[in-house]
Structure formats: C-alpha cells, structure tokens
Amino acid sequence: MAQYYSTQFTQAYINNPTTKIDRGLVSGERRLAYAKITLTAALLLNDVVDFLKLPAGALVTDVIFKSGNVGGTFNLGYKANGVDSAAPAAWLSAQAANAIARTNVLAGMFKQFTVETTVSAVAATAGSAAGDIEVAVEYVIV
C-alpha cells in the first residue's frame, strides 16, 4: 500500500522545518457574494450580464446560478485575468433557464484569483422573456 500526502499536509507535517500553510486554506472564513438582476426584456444572443466582483485572493468553493423562466441558455463564469472586456470562462456552460444549478465545469472549481475579478453571464442562446437571474459565489480569501 502506498501513502500519499497533499501539498498542505506535506508542508505542515512532513517537511522539516515545516512550512506555514496559508491561513485561508486551513481555517479560512467562508464568504458569500450574491447578486440579482431583474430583466425587463429578454436577453439577446451574446448579451452579457456582469453580476459582481470577487476580491483578489478569492478561492472559489461553490457557484450557484438561479434563473426564472427567461428562456435561452447561459454561460456563467469569470472574466479572465480581471479584464472586464474578456469573455467569461465557464463555471456553468449552456445552463438552461428556469433552473437552479451549481458549478459543473471542472476548471472553474477551486479557481483562485490574483486580481479583483468580475463574475458574468453570457446569453448562449437568445431569451424569450423578462425575469430574475441570481448568482451566489462562495469563496475564501487566501
């Protein structure tokens, strides 16, 4: 039987001298960023909704997306490298409206940001109605 250790376990308990583990990784305070938009008209293809900004150092632990019966599908993500004009990298891809969903894209889970970063959604297909869209991002500061 082989024995394996995480990077943090190795730093704290195997290395001599030990390496201090960033406090946010072992006893970080979980934070929640929440945003809601009430659409007064249907979204068109490639329309972008900026929801909120995550602070530098945020390590994302969960993302929840909820939309009313607004039609269409959405890609939810973050703007790469904090550049507001960049297309969002997906946390949720082609998410149907009138649903609740959690992160389903591997690359976005446990993503850590070095700069303040915008959380956005892009209409992957056109919507059909007005309504509410909500986003919640759980994270710790590292």
C-alpha atoms as a PDB file:
ATOM      1  CA  MET A   1       0.000   0.000   0.000  1.00  0.00           C
ATOM      2  CA  ALA A   2       1.354   3.405  -0.968  1.00  0.00           C
ATOM      3  CA  GLN A   3       0.974   6.504   1.186  1.00  0.00           C
ATOM      4  CA  TYR A   4       0.311   9.895  -0.403  1.00  0.00           C
ATOM      5  CA  TYR A   5       0.106  13.373   1.134  1.00  0.00           C
ATOM      6  CA  SER A   6      -1.493  16.600  -0.019  1.00  0.00           C
ATOM      7  CA  THR A   7       0.753  19.592  -0.578  1.00  0.00           C
ATOM      8  CA  GLN A   8      -0.579  21.225   2.582  1.00  0.00           C
ATOM      9  CA  PHE A   9      -0.099  18.073   4.716  1.00  0.00           C
ATOM     10  CA  THR A  10       3.465  17.769   3.470  1.00  0.00           C
ATOM     11  CA  GLN A  11       4.194  21.416   4.267  1.00  0.00           C
ATOM     12  CA  ALA A  12       2.733  21.245   7.780  1.00  0.00           C
ATOM     13  CA  TYR A  13       3.653  17.782   8.980  1.00  0.00           C
ATOM     14  CA  ILE A  14       6.279  16.118   6.759  1.00  0.00           C
ATOM     15  CA  ASN A  15       8.767  18.860   5.870  1.00  0.00           C
ATOM     16  CA  ASN A  16      11.403  19.724   8.452  1.00  0.00           C
ATOM     17  CA  PRO A  17      11.325  22.622   9.075  1.00  0.00           C
ATOM     18  CA  THR A  18       7.624  22.880   8.399  1.00  0.00           C
ATOM     19  CA  THR A  19       6.202  25.446   6.029  1.00  0.00           C
ATOM     20  CA  LYS A  20       3.422  27.712   7.205  1.00  0.00           C
ATOM     21  CA  ILE A  21       0.201  26.985   5.347  1.00  0.00           C
ATOM     22  CA  ASP A  22      -1.810  29.986   4.244  1.00  0.00           C
ATOM     23  CA  ARG A  23      -4.486  30.566   6.894  1.00  0.00           C
ATOM     24  CA  GLY A  24      -7.240  30.781   4.273  1.00  0.00           C
ATOM     25  CA  LEU A  25      -6.565  27.187   3.209  1.00  0.00           C
ATOM     26  CA  VAL A  26      -6.991  25.604   6.637  1.00  0.00           C
ATOM     27  CA  SER A  27      -9.155  27.937   8.692  1.00  0.00           C
ATOM     28  CA  GLY A  28     -10.465  30.376   6.134  1.00  0.00           C
ATOM     29  CA  GLU A  29     -13.663  32.252   6.721  1.00  0.00           C
ATOM     30  CA  ARG A  30     -16.214  31.242   4.122  1.00  0.00           C
ATOM     31  CA  ARG A  31     -17.714  34.237   2.363  1.00  0.00           C
ATOM     32  CA  LEU A  32     -20.693  34.605   0.073  1.00  0.00           C
ATOM     33  CA  ALA A  33     -21.119  37.096  -2.725  1.00  0.00           C
ATOM     34  CA  TYR A  34     -24.694  37.389  -4.022  1.00  0.00           C
ATOM     35  CA  ALA A  35     -26.224  39.334  -6.882  1.00  0.00           C
ATOM     36  CA  LYS A  36     -29.614  39.530  -8.577  1.00  0.00           C
ATOM     37  CA  ILE A  37     -30.817  41.184 -11.747  1.00  0.00           C
ATOM     38  CA  THR A  38     -34.413  41.681 -12.813  1.00  0.00           C
ATOM     39  CA  LEU A  39     -34.509  41.722 -16.602  1.00  0.00           C
ATOM     40  CA  THR A  40     -37.152  43.982 -18.087  1.00  0.00           C
ATOM     41  CA  ALA A  41     -36.745  42.417 -21.550  1.00  0.00           C
ATOM     42  CA  ALA A  42     -35.458  39.166 -22.997  1.00  0.00           C
ATOM     43  CA  LEU A  43     -31.700  38.820 -23.444  1.00  0.00           C
ATOM     44  CA  LEU A  44     -30.349  38.621 -26.977  1.00  0.00           C
ATOM     45  CA  LEU A  45     -27.645  36.220 -28.148  1.00  0.00           C
ATOM     46  CA  ASN A  46     -24.256  37.167 -26.615  1.00  0.00           C
ATOM     47  CA  ASP A  47     -25.720  39.759 -24.231  1.00  0.00           C
ATOM     48  CA  VAL A  48     -23.528  39.999 -21.117  1.00  0.00           C
ATOM     49  CA  VAL A  49     -24.669  40.471 -17.521  1.00  0.00           C
ATOM     50  CA  ASP A  50     -21.999  41.497 -15.007  1.00  0.00           C
ATOM     51  CA  PHE A  51     -23.132  40.390 -11.547  1.00  0.00           C
ATOM     52  CA  LEU A  52     -20.404  41.202  -9.045  1.00  0.00           C
ATOM     53  CA  LYS A  53     -16.685  41.393  -8.399  1.00  0.00           C
ATOM     54  CA  LEU A  54     -14.668  38.949  -6.324  1.00  0.00           C
ATOM     55  CA  PRO A  55     -11.679  40.340  -4.430  1.00  0.00           C
ATOM     56  CA  ALA A  56      -8.080  39.470  -5.206  1.00  0.00           C
ATOM     57  CA  GLY A  57      -7.122  36.291  -3.355  1.00  0.00           C
ATOM     58  CA  ALA A  58     -10.595  34.712  -3.617  1.00  0.00           C
ATOM     59  CA  LEU A  59     -10.532  30.912  -3.891  1.00  0.00           C
ATOM     60  CA  VAL A  60     -13.935  29.805  -5.194  1.00  0.00           C
ATOM     61  CA  THR A  61     -15.516  26.828  -3.405  1.00  0.00           C
ATOM     62  CA  ASP A  62     -19.002  26.876  -4.961  1.00  0.00           C
ATOM     63  CA  VAL A  63     -21.114  28.750  -7.502  1.00  0.00           C
ATOM     64  CA  ILE A  64     -24.912  28.697  -7.637  1.00  0.00           C
ATOM     65  CA  PHE A  65     -26.958  30.045 -10.547  1.00  0.00           C
ATOM     66  CA  LYS A  66     -30.732  30.513 -10.461  1.00  0.00           C
ATOM     67  CA  SER A  67     -32.842  31.878 -13.257  1.00  0.00           C
ATOM     68  CA  GLY A  68     -36.519  32.418 -13.709  1.00  0.00           C
ATOM     69  CA  ASN A  69     -38.437  31.498 -16.816  1.00  0.00           C
ATOM     70  CA  VAL A  70     -36.456  33.889 -19.026  1.00  0.00           C
ATOM     71  CA  GLY A  71     -35.786  31.387 -21.819  1.00  0.00           C
ATOM     72  CA  GLY A  72     -32.473  30.793 -23.555  1.00  0.00           C
ATOM     73  CA  THR A  73     -29.298  29.301 -22.125  1.00  0.00           C
ATOM     74  CA  PHE A  74     -26.381  30.887 -20.282  1.00  0.00           C
ATOM     75  CA  ASN A  75     -22.659  30.510 -19.792  1.00  0.00           C
ATOM     76  CA  LEU A  76     -21.705  31.718 -16.323  1.00  0.00           C
ATOM     77  CA  GLY A  77     -18.132  32.465 -15.415  1.00  0.00           C
ATOM     78  CA  TYR A  78     -15.457  34.984 -14.634  1.00  0.00           C
ATOM     79  CA  LYS A  79     -13.597  37.422 -16.823  1.00  0.00           C
ATOM     80  CA  ALA A  80     -10.074  36.156 -17.347  1.00  0.00           C
ATOM     81  CA  ASN A  81      -7.263  37.940 -15.509  1.00  0.00           C
ATOM     82  CA  GLY A  82      -9.688  40.534 -14.217  1.00  0.00           C
ATOM     83  CA  VAL A  83     -10.021  42.069 -17.703  1.00  0.00           C
ATOM     84  CA  ASP A  84     -13.588  43.346 -17.949  1.00  0.00           C
ATOM     85  CA  SER A  85     -13.710  43.066 -21.736  1.00  0.00           C
ATOM     86  CA  ALA A  86     -12.742  39.386 -21.763  1.00  0.00           C
ATOM     87  CA  ALA A  87     -15.322  36.685 -22.412  1.00  0.00           C
ATOM     88  CA  PRO A  88     -16.192  34.741 -19.263  1.00  0.00           C
ATOM     89  CA  ALA A  89     -14.523  31.388 -18.709  1.00  0.00           C
ATOM     90  CA  ALA A  90     -17.292  28.977 -17.825  1.00  0.00           C
ATOM     91  CA  TRP A  91     -18.383  27.756 -14.410  1.00  0.00           C
ATOM     92  CA  LEU A  92     -21.657  26.707 -15.998  1.00  0.00           C
ATOM     93  CA  SER A  93     -21.950  26.014 -19.703  1.00  0.00           C
ATOM     94  CA  ALA A  94     -25.216  26.129 -21.688  1.00  0.00           C
ATOM     95  CA  GLN A  95     -27.257  26.302 -18.473  1.00  0.00           C
ATOM     96  CA  ALA A  96     -30.977  26.263 -19.219  1.00  0.00           C
ATOM     97  CA  ALA A  97     -33.203  28.977 -17.838  1.00  0.00           C
ATOM     98  CA  ASN A  98     -35.887  28.325 -15.207  1.00  0.00           C
ATOM     99  CA  ALA A  99     -33.482  26.212 -13.156  1.00  0.00           C
ATOM    100  CA  ILE A 100     -31.032  26.153 -10.275  1.00  0.00           C
ATOM    101  CA  ALA A 101     -27.532  24.850 -10.971  1.00  0.00           C
ATOM    102  CA  ARG A 102     -24.158  24.516  -9.259  1.00  0.00           C
ATOM    103  CA  THR A 103     -20.683  24.590 -10.757  1.00  0.00           C
ATOM    104  CA  ASN A 104     -20.326  21.869 -13.370  1.00  0.00           C
ATOM    105  CA  VAL A 105     -17.101  22.878 -15.108  1.00  0.00           C
ATOM    106  CA  LEU A 106     -14.003  21.349 -13.562  1.00  0.00           C
ATOM    107  CA  ALA A 107     -11.616  24.179 -14.472  1.00  0.00           C
ATOM    108  CA  GLY A 108     -13.646  26.724 -12.517  1.00  0.00           C
ATOM    109  CA  MET A 109     -13.891  24.803  -9.259  1.00  0.00           C
ATOM    110  CA  PHE A 110     -11.323  25.926  -6.655  1.00  0.00           C
ATOM    111  CA  LYS A 111     -10.193  28.674  -9.020  1.00  0.00           C
ATOM    112  CA  GLN A 112      -8.075  31.250  -7.189  1.00  0.00           C
ATOM    113  CA  PHE A 113      -7.913  34.839  -8.395  1.00  0.00           C
ATOM    114  CA  THR A 114      -4.845  37.026  -8.022  1.00  0.00           C
ATOM    115  CA  VAL A 115      -6.710  40.188  -9.056  1.00  0.00           C
ATOM    116  CA  GLU A 116     -10.235  41.520  -8.498  1.00  0.00           C
ATOM    117  CA  THR A 117     -12.419  39.584 -10.943  1.00  0.00           C
ATOM    118  CA  THR A 118     -15.871  40.129 -12.458  1.00  0.00           C
ATOM    119  CA  VAL A 119     -18.487  37.347 -12.356  1.00  0.00           C
ATOM    120  CA  SER A 120     -20.570  37.430 -15.542  1.00  0.00           C
ATOM    121  CA  ALA A 121     -23.096  35.523 -17.616  1.00  0.00           C
ATOM    122  CA  VAL A 122     -23.388  35.484 -21.395  1.00  0.00           C
ATOM    123  CA  ALA A 123     -26.568  34.539 -23.234  1.00  0.00           C
ATOM    124  CA  ALA A 124     -25.537  31.437 -25.224  1.00  0.00           C
ATOM    125  CA  THR A 125     -28.945  31.484 -26.922  1.00  0.00           C
ATOM    126  CA  ALA A 126     -31.495  34.277 -27.004  1.00  0.00           C
ATOM    127  CA  GLY A 127     -34.001  34.526 -24.197  1.00  0.00           C
ATOM    128  CA  SER A 128     -37.740  34.758 -24.566  1.00  0.00           C
ATOM    129  CA  ALA A 129     -38.961  36.724 -21.563  1.00  0.00           C
ATOM    130  CA  ALA A 130     -38.127  39.146 -18.775  1.00  0.00           C
ATOM    131  CA  GLY A 131     -37.449  37.818 -15.275  1.00  0.00           C
ATOM    132  CA  ASP A 132     -34.914  37.354 -12.489  1.00  0.00           C
ATOM    133  CA  ILE A 133     -31.446  35.833 -12.555  1.00  0.00           C
ATOM    134  CA  GLU A 134     -29.487  35.272  -9.330  1.00  0.00           C
ATOM    135  CA  VAL A 135     -25.905  34.231  -8.661  1.00  0.00           C
ATOM    136  CA  ALA A 136     -24.156  33.265  -5.423  1.00  0.00           C
ATOM    137  CA  VAL A 137     -20.422  32.621  -5.195  1.00  0.00           C
ATOM    138  CA  GLU A 138     -18.899  31.013  -2.104  1.00  0.00           C
ATOM    139  CA  TYR A 139     -15.210  31.659  -1.541  1.00  0.00           C
ATOM    140  CA  VAL A 140     -12.387  32.046   0.973  1.00  0.00           C
ATOM    141  CA  ILE A 141      -9.578  34.595   0.881  1.00  0.00           C
ATOM    142  CA  VAL A 142      -6.143  33.007   0.519  1.00  0.00           C
END
